[in-house]
Amino acid sequence: MIWLVRHPPVALHWQKRCYGASDMGLSREGARMAAELVDELVTLSPDLIIHSDRKRTRTIAQRAADQLSAEILPDHRWRERDFGNWEGRSWNSIYRENGNAMDGMLDDPDCFRPGGGETTRELVDRALDGWRALPKGREIVVIAHGGPIAAVLADRANASIRSLPDYIPHTGSITEMG
């Protein structure tokens, strides 16, 4: 069994900002949700917990692994998209500067690099590489981010890359993959 977990909400200062691959902590509400998530993950009893190596996933993974005595592994393939020089900026300022060019993330997934960062195709390929590398026959929890989880879910549904936003799970959610 594999469960994909999206981290809870990030620190308030970051919530209206482009944070992608940036490494920040959780909000107070996120920390409360993280404690609940840890309890839920413990009941699932995974023997392997993989996380994106970002603080907002690592702390949950470490707490659950400590309670379960489970193996824990960081894997950068589960990180959120690298938004280059957009990282840390407000979405409003990015829009004021770039207008509808942001649509390139879906309209031109192979070439558009938001902020000079990662293309949508690179994000999808990286996440699917992480998915395919998961060991078989184990009970695995992957604690990651909306983009990589959406990439896996869309791929499993044979959906187009343009539909990725439809597959982004809510923060703090657990998706059972079977």
Protein backbone atom coordinates (compact mmCIF):
# COMPACT_ATOMS: atom_id res chain seq x y z
CA MET A 1 0.00 0.00 0.00
CA ILE A 2 1.15 3.53 -0.75
CA TRP A 3 -0.23 6.71 0.75
CA LEU A 4 0.58 10.16 -0.65
CA VAL A 5 0.41 12.92 1.95
CA ARG A 6 0.38 16.62 1.19
CA HIS A 7 1.92 18.75 3.91
CA PRO A 8 -0.36 21.04 5.97
CA PRO A 9 -0.50 24.84 5.45
CA VAL A 10 2.78 26.73 5.59
CA ALA A 11 3.66 29.70 7.79
CA LEU A 12 1.24 32.60 7.27
CA HIS A 13 3.96 34.86 5.86
CA TRP A 14 4.31 32.47 2.90
CA GLN A 15 0.67 31.69 2.15
CA LYS A 16 0.13 34.30 -0.58
CA ARG A 17 3.63 33.87 -1.93
CA CYS A 18 5.20 31.60 -4.47
CA TYR A 19 7.12 29.18 -2.27
CA GLY A 20 7.63 26.04 -4.35
CA ALA A 21 11.02 24.57 -3.46
CA SER A 22 11.66 27.09 -0.67
CA ASP A 23 12.15 25.58 2.78
CA MET A 24 9.81 27.06 5.38
CA GLY A 25 7.89 25.72 8.32
CA LEU A 26 4.21 25.28 8.99
CA SER A 27 1.65 27.76 10.27
CA ARG A 28 0.11 27.27 13.72
CA GLU A 29 -2.85 25.60 12.05
CA GLY A 30 -0.42 23.55 9.97
CA ALA A 31 1.41 22.42 13.11
CA ARG A 32 -1.91 21.37 14.67
CA MET A 33 -2.81 19.46 11.49
CA ALA A 34 0.67 17.91 11.42
CA ALA A 35 0.12 16.41 14.88
CA GLU A 36 -3.16 14.88 13.66
CA LEU A 37 -1.44 13.62 10.51
CA VAL A 38 1.25 11.93 12.56
CA ASP A 39 -1.44 10.14 14.57
CA GLU A 40 -3.15 9.02 11.34
CA LEU A 41 0.12 7.86 9.81
CA VAL A 42 0.92 5.83 12.90
CA THR A 43 -2.41 3.98 12.51
CA LEU A 44 -1.50 3.16 8.89
CA SER A 45 1.70 1.47 10.14
CA PRO A 46 3.96 2.05 7.15
CA ASP A 47 7.38 0.45 7.28
CA LEU A 48 8.90 3.17 5.06
CA ILE A 49 8.33 6.92 5.14
CA ILE A 50 9.69 9.01 2.30
CA HIS A 51 9.68 12.81 2.40
CA SER A 52 10.76 15.60 0.09
CA ASP A 53 13.54 16.78 2.44
CA ARG A 54 11.81 20.13 2.98
CA LYS A 55 11.11 21.20 6.57
CA ARG A 56 7.33 21.12 6.05
CA THR A 57 7.49 17.40 5.17
CA ARG A 58 10.55 16.31 7.14
CA THR A 59 9.15 17.17 10.59
CA ILE A 60 6.00 15.09 10.00
CA ALA A 61 8.01 12.19 8.59
CA GLN A 62 10.45 12.23 11.49
CA ARG A 63 7.75 12.30 14.16
CA ALA A 64 5.84 9.42 12.55
CA ALA A 65 8.99 7.39 11.93
CA ASP A 66 10.10 7.85 15.54
CA GLN A 67 6.78 6.52 16.85
CA LEU A 68 6.73 3.62 14.40
CA SER A 69 10.44 2.80 14.35
CA ALA A 70 9.97 2.95 10.57
CA GLU A 71 12.66 3.54 8.00
CA ILE A 72 12.74 7.16 6.82
CA LEU A 73 14.28 8.44 3.59
CA PRO A 74 14.52 11.92 2.05
CA ASP A 75 13.99 12.04 -1.72
CA HIS A 76 14.35 15.33 -3.60
CA ARG A 77 12.19 13.99 -6.45
CA TRP A 78 9.16 14.68 -4.24
CA ARG A 79 9.96 18.39 -3.81
CA GLU A 80 7.60 21.05 -5.09
CA ARG A 81 8.39 22.83 -8.35
CA ASP A 82 11.42 25.11 -8.42
CA PHE A 83 10.04 28.52 -9.36
CA GLY A 84 13.47 30.14 -9.78
CA ASN A 85 13.48 33.85 -8.97
CA TRP A 86 9.73 33.80 -8.34
CA GLU A 87 10.39 31.98 -5.05
CA GLY A 88 9.38 34.10 -2.06
CA ARG A 89 7.59 36.75 -4.12
CA SER A 90 3.88 37.45 -3.79
CA TRP A 91 1.68 35.97 -6.51
CA ASN A 92 0.22 39.46 -7.06
CA SER A 93 3.64 40.97 -7.79
CA ILE A 94 4.49 38.09 -10.13
CA TYR A 95 1.21 38.66 -11.99
CA ARG A 96 1.78 42.44 -12.16
CA GLU A 97 5.20 41.82 -13.67
CA ASN A 98 4.35 38.89 -15.97
CA GLY A 99 0.61 39.07 -16.58
CA ASN A 100 -0.83 36.02 -18.25
CA ALA A 101 2.65 34.68 -18.99
CA MET A 102 2.12 32.54 -15.87
CA ASP A 103 -0.31 30.52 -17.99
CA GLY A 104 2.78 29.14 -19.72
CA MET A 105 3.07 26.60 -16.92
CA LEU A 106 0.13 24.78 -18.53
CA ASP A 107 0.07 26.25 -22.05
CA ASP A 108 3.73 25.50 -22.75
CA PRO A 109 4.64 22.77 -20.22
CA ASP A 110 7.79 21.68 -22.06
CA CYS A 111 9.45 25.08 -22.39
CA PHE A 112 8.05 27.69 -20.00
CA ARG A 113 10.28 28.16 -16.96
CA PRO A 114 8.50 30.21 -14.28
CA GLY A 115 11.07 32.57 -12.82
CA GLY A 116 13.75 30.70 -14.76
CA GLY A 117 13.00 27.58 -12.69
CA GLU A 118 11.62 24.21 -13.62
CA THR A 119 9.23 23.49 -16.50
CA THR A 120 6.00 21.65 -15.79
CA ARG A 121 7.29 18.71 -17.81
CA GLU A 122 10.45 18.58 -15.67
CA LEU A 123 8.33 18.61 -12.50
CA VAL A 124 6.11 15.81 -13.83
CA ASP A 125 9.04 13.70 -15.04
CA ARG A 126 10.86 14.11 -11.72
CA ALA A 127 7.78 13.18 -9.66
CA LEU A 128 7.00 10.17 -11.85
CA ASP A 129 10.61 9.05 -11.52
CA GLY A 130 10.18 9.19 -7.73
CA TRP A 131 6.90 7.29 -8.00
CA ARG A 132 8.37 4.54 -10.18
CA ALA A 133 11.36 4.20 -7.84
CA LEU A 134 9.19 3.33 -4.83
CA PRO A 135 10.07 -0.16 -3.62
CA LYS A 136 7.49 -2.85 -4.30
CA GLY A 137 5.85 -4.90 -1.60
CA ARG A 138 6.17 -2.34 1.18
CA GLU A 139 3.78 -0.19 3.17
CA ILE A 140 4.92 3.31 2.16
CA VAL A 141 3.94 6.84 3.11
CA VAL A 142 5.26 9.63 0.88
CA ILE A 143 5.01 13.10 2.42
CA ALA A 144 5.27 15.62 -0.37
CA HIS A 145 3.71 18.64 -2.07
CA GLY A 146 0.77 19.46 -4.31
CA GLY A 147 2.66 19.51 -7.62
CA PRO A 148 4.37 16.12 -7.42
CA ILE A 149 1.26 14.44 -6.00
CA ALA A 150 -0.87 15.98 -8.78
CA ALA A 151 1.63 14.69 -11.35
CA VAL A 152 1.24 11.13 -10.06
CA LEU A 153 -2.55 11.33 -9.78
CA ALA A 154 -2.94 12.83 -13.26
CA ASP A 155 -0.63 10.22 -14.75
CA ARG A 156 -2.57 7.40 -13.10
CA ALA A 157 -5.80 8.87 -14.52
CA ASN A 158 -4.22 9.23 -18.00
CA ALA A 159 -5.07 12.93 -17.80
CA SER A 160 -3.31 15.65 -19.77
CA ILE A 161 -0.61 17.79 -18.26
CA ARG A 162 -2.96 20.78 -18.61
CA SER A 163 -5.27 19.19 -16.03
CA LEU A 164 -2.64 19.08 -13.24
CA PRO A 165 -4.41 21.79 -11.18
CA ASP A 166 -7.46 19.51 -10.98
CA TYR A 167 -5.37 16.85 -9.23
CA ILE A 168 -3.74 18.98 -6.53
CA PRO A 169 -4.92 17.58 -3.19
CA HIS A 170 -5.86 19.73 -0.20
CA THR A 171 -3.13 20.55 2.29
CA GLY A 172 -2.92 17.98 5.04
CA SER A 173 -4.67 15.31 2.97
CA ILE A 174 -3.83 11.61 2.64
CA THR A 175 -4.47 9.88 -0.70
CA GLU A 176 -4.51 6.09 -0.67
CA MET A 177 -2.99 4.68 -3.85
CA GLY A 178 -3.56 0.95 -3.29
